[in-house]
Amino acid sequence: MRSITPFYSGILGGFSIVAIFIVIVLSVNFSSHRIQISKVNVNTSLLSDSITSCNSDSIIQIQSRYKKQLLNELNQAKLILSPQEYTNNIVNYYNNFLMVLSVMLAGLSFLGFVYLKSQSNDLISARLNSEEFKDEVKTQLIGEAEGRYRELLSDLENKIINLEEEIILLKETSELNDSDSEIDLD
């Protein structure tokens, strides 16, 4: 059974590495939701032509119009998240993270249980096979047997003594009866 413990240690290490890899992959996936401006084509030539031909009030209007146009393009490209989408993504991220942690906890608890059970079985089998344990069990059994048999032996000895006394009494009475019968015959 000693060769199994490195096996369980290897499984434990493998699960730990896989769990860390899953956490890293999940965190990388959610970092890709950032806004990437490079995917949106912004037509700046129209903006520069309009700016040169307009006064300062119209520049603010043009700027706000291009902001709206840029926001619409970003929304259509799904690069800007609404507050509800952002909240939903964050909640999903933490739900996945908690799920991974709970699976890791369950897996590591199971592996810990198997490892401890294996260790306890090894210790118990080593203890049961040891000469010290066998000697201990023998002395305990002999001690109990001597206590029980001592009482039985003393009872048997008392009965034997009583029976011997009865036999002696019977012999004496039978000898007396025989001697009486011999006297009568003479």
Protein backbone atom coordinates (compact mmCIF):
# COMPACT_ATOMS: atom_id res chain seq x y z
CA MET A 1 0.00 0.00 0.00
CA ARG A 2 2.98 2.35 0.34
CA SER A 3 3.31 2.63 -3.46
CA ILE A 4 -0.23 4.04 -3.79
CA THR A 5 0.42 7.25 -1.83
CA PRO A 6 2.68 8.78 -4.53
CA PHE A 7 -0.09 7.97 -6.99
CA TYR A 8 -2.62 9.96 -4.96
CA SER A 9 -0.13 12.77 -4.56
CA GLY A 10 0.26 12.87 -8.34
CA ILE A 11 -3.50 13.00 -8.84
CA LEU A 12 -3.77 15.80 -6.29
CA GLY A 13 -1.04 17.80 -8.06
CA GLY A 14 -2.68 17.21 -11.44
CA PHE A 15 -6.06 18.43 -10.22
CA SER A 16 -4.43 21.50 -8.68
CA ILE A 17 -2.68 22.39 -11.93
CA VAL A 18 -5.86 21.86 -13.97
CA ALA A 19 -7.86 24.01 -11.55
CA ILE A 20 -5.32 26.83 -11.72
CA PHE A 21 -5.35 26.58 -15.53
CA ILE A 22 -9.16 26.81 -15.58
CA VAL A 23 -9.11 29.89 -13.34
CA ILE A 24 -6.54 31.56 -15.61
CA VAL A 25 -8.54 30.73 -18.75
CA LEU A 26 -11.72 32.10 -17.21
CA SER A 27 -10.04 35.33 -16.17
CA VAL A 28 -8.52 35.78 -19.66
CA ASN A 29 -11.88 35.20 -21.34
CA PHE A 30 -13.54 37.93 -19.33
CA SER A 31 -10.72 40.41 -19.95
CA SER A 32 -11.48 40.23 -23.70
CA HIS A 33 -14.72 42.20 -23.19
CA ARG A 34 -12.89 45.49 -23.13
CA ILE A 35 -13.66 48.05 -25.77
CA GLN A 36 -11.37 47.73 -28.75
CA ILE A 37 -11.45 50.95 -30.73
CA SER A 38 -9.19 49.55 -33.44
CA LYS A 39 -12.11 47.48 -34.81
CA VAL A 40 -14.23 50.56 -35.56
CA ASN A 41 -13.55 52.68 -38.60
CA VAL A 42 -13.86 56.35 -37.76
CA ASN A 43 -14.09 58.65 -40.75
CA THR A 44 -11.90 61.55 -39.65
CA SER A 45 -11.59 63.20 -43.06
CA LEU A 46 -15.20 64.41 -42.89
CA LEU A 47 -14.57 65.72 -39.41
CA SER A 48 -11.51 67.73 -40.42
CA ASP A 49 -13.29 69.22 -43.50
CA SER A 50 -16.28 70.21 -41.37
CA ILE A 51 -14.12 71.77 -38.68
CA THR A 52 -12.32 74.08 -41.08
CA SER A 53 -15.52 75.37 -42.63
CA CYS A 54 -17.52 75.95 -39.41
CA ASN A 55 -17.47 78.33 -36.50
CA SER A 56 -16.97 77.33 -32.83
CA ASP A 57 -20.65 76.58 -32.07
CA SER A 58 -20.93 74.25 -34.98
CA ILE A 59 -17.69 72.53 -33.95
CA ILE A 60 -19.38 71.44 -30.72
CA GLN A 61 -22.37 70.21 -32.69
CA ILE A 62 -20.15 68.31 -35.10
CA GLN A 63 -18.22 66.82 -32.21
CA SER A 64 -21.39 65.64 -30.49
CA ARG A 65 -22.71 64.23 -33.79
CA TYR A 66 -19.51 62.27 -34.34
CA LYS A 67 -19.60 61.05 -30.74
CA LYS A 68 -23.10 59.76 -31.31
CA GLN A 69 -22.04 58.18 -34.59
CA LEU A 70 -19.04 56.55 -32.91
CA LEU A 71 -21.19 55.28 -30.02
CA ASN A 72 -23.72 53.85 -32.50
CA GLU A 73 -20.96 52.08 -34.44
CA LEU A 74 -19.49 50.71 -31.21
CA ASN A 75 -22.92 49.53 -30.07
CA GLN A 76 -23.54 47.84 -33.43
CA ALA A 77 -20.14 46.12 -33.22
CA LYS A 78 -21.08 44.95 -29.68
CA LEU A 79 -17.98 46.60 -28.21
CA ILE A 80 -19.80 48.80 -25.72
CA LEU A 81 -21.70 47.08 -22.99
CA SER A 82 -24.81 48.44 -21.39
CA PRO A 83 -24.86 48.55 -17.58
CA GLN A 84 -27.13 45.49 -17.54
CA GLU A 85 -24.80 43.53 -19.83
CA TYR A 86 -21.78 44.57 -17.81
CA THR A 87 -23.48 43.51 -14.57
CA ASN A 88 -24.56 40.24 -16.16
CA ASN A 89 -20.99 39.52 -17.30
CA ILE A 90 -19.57 40.27 -13.86
CA VAL A 91 -22.17 38.09 -12.15
CA ASN A 92 -21.50 35.24 -14.60
CA TYR A 93 -17.77 35.58 -14.01
CA TYR A 94 -18.12 35.31 -10.25
CA ASN A 95 -20.63 32.48 -10.57
CA ASN A 96 -18.16 30.55 -12.72
CA PHE A 97 -15.35 31.38 -10.32
CA LEU A 98 -17.38 30.14 -7.33
CA MET A 99 -18.36 27.01 -9.24
CA VAL A 100 -14.71 26.24 -10.00
CA LEU A 101 -13.78 26.82 -6.37
CA SER A 102 -16.58 24.56 -5.12
CA VAL A 103 -15.60 21.80 -7.56
CA MET A 104 -11.99 22.15 -6.43
CA LEU A 105 -13.08 21.98 -2.80
CA ALA A 106 -15.16 18.86 -3.42
CA GLY A 107 -12.39 17.21 -5.43
CA LEU A 108 -9.69 18.00 -2.93
CA SER A 109 -11.93 16.87 -0.06
CA PHE A 110 -12.51 13.56 -1.82
CA LEU A 111 -8.81 13.12 -2.53
CA GLY A 112 -7.98 14.00 1.07
CA PHE A 113 -10.50 11.43 2.28
CA VAL A 114 -9.06 8.73 0.02
CA TYR A 115 -5.52 9.58 1.08
CA LEU A 116 -6.34 9.56 4.80
CA LYS A 117 -8.27 6.30 4.44
CA SER A 118 -5.31 4.73 2.67
CA GLN A 119 -2.93 5.95 5.38
CA SER A 120 -5.18 4.67 8.17
CA ASN A 121 -5.55 1.29 6.46
CA ASP A 122 -1.77 1.06 6.16
CA LEU A 123 -1.31 1.90 9.84
CA ILE A 124 -4.00 -0.54 10.94
CA SER A 125 -2.60 -3.38 8.85
CA ALA A 126 0.92 -2.66 10.11
CA ARG A 127 -0.36 -2.65 13.69
CA LEU A 128 -2.35 -5.87 13.22
CA ASN A 129 0.64 -7.66 11.71
CA SER A 130 3.08 -6.59 14.41
CA GLU A 131 4.30 -9.10 16.98
CA GLU A 132 3.70 -6.63 19.79
CA PHE A 133 -0.03 -6.51 18.96
CA LYS A 134 -0.23 -10.30 18.74
CA ASP A 135 1.47 -10.67 22.12
CA GLU A 136 -0.86 -8.09 23.62
CA VAL A 137 -3.94 -9.93 22.32
CA LYS A 138 -2.61 -13.26 23.61
CA THR A 139 -2.01 -11.91 27.12
CA GLN A 140 -5.46 -10.31 27.16
CA LEU A 141 -7.15 -13.53 26.04
CA ILE A 142 -5.13 -15.67 28.44
CA GLY A 143 -5.92 -13.26 31.27
CA GLU A 144 -9.64 -13.46 30.56
CA ALA A 145 -9.52 -17.23 30.12
CA GLU A 146 -7.60 -17.71 33.37
CA GLY A 147 -10.15 -15.59 35.22
CA ARG A 148 -13.09 -17.58 33.87
CA TYR A 149 -11.43 -20.96 34.14
CA ARG A 150 -10.07 -20.24 37.61
CA GLU A 151 -13.64 -19.97 38.89
CA LEU A 152 -14.67 -23.12 37.04
CA LEU A 153 -11.62 -24.99 38.27
CA SER A 154 -12.23 -23.97 41.88
CA ASP A 155 -15.88 -25.11 41.55
CA LEU A 156 -14.74 -28.39 40.01
CA GLU A 157 -12.15 -28.90 42.74
CA ASN A 158 -14.81 -28.27 45.40
CA LYS A 159 -17.12 -30.76 43.72
CA ILE A 160 -14.35 -33.34 43.41
CA ILE A 161 -13.47 -32.91 47.08
CA ASN A 162 -17.16 -33.28 48.02
CA LEU A 163 -17.47 -36.37 45.84
CA GLU A 164 -14.30 -37.89 47.35
CA GLU A 165 -15.67 -37.25 50.82
CA GLU A 166 -18.96 -38.88 49.87
CA ILE A 167 -17.12 -41.85 48.41
CA ILE A 168 -15.08 -42.21 51.57
CA LEU A 169 -18.24 -42.01 53.65
CA LEU A 170 -19.92 -44.57 51.44
CA LYS A 171 -16.95 -46.89 51.73
CA GLU A 172 -16.91 -46.52 55.47
CA THR A 173 -20.61 -47.18 55.71
CA SER A 174 -20.36 -50.11 53.35
CA GLU A 175 -17.42 -51.52 55.34
CA LEU A 176 -19.41 -51.15 58.50
CA ASN A 177 -22.34 -52.86 56.90
CA ASP A 178 -20.07 -55.65 55.63
CA SER A 179 -18.49 -56.07 59.02
CA ASP A 180 -21.97 -56.19 60.62
CA SER A 181 -23.09 -58.78 58.15
CA GLU A 182 -19.98 -60.87 58.82
CA ILE A 183 -20.60 -60.69 62.51
CA ASP A 184 -24.11 -61.85 62.07
CA LEU A 185 -22.97 -64.83 60.02
CA ASP A 186 -20.54 -66.07 62.60
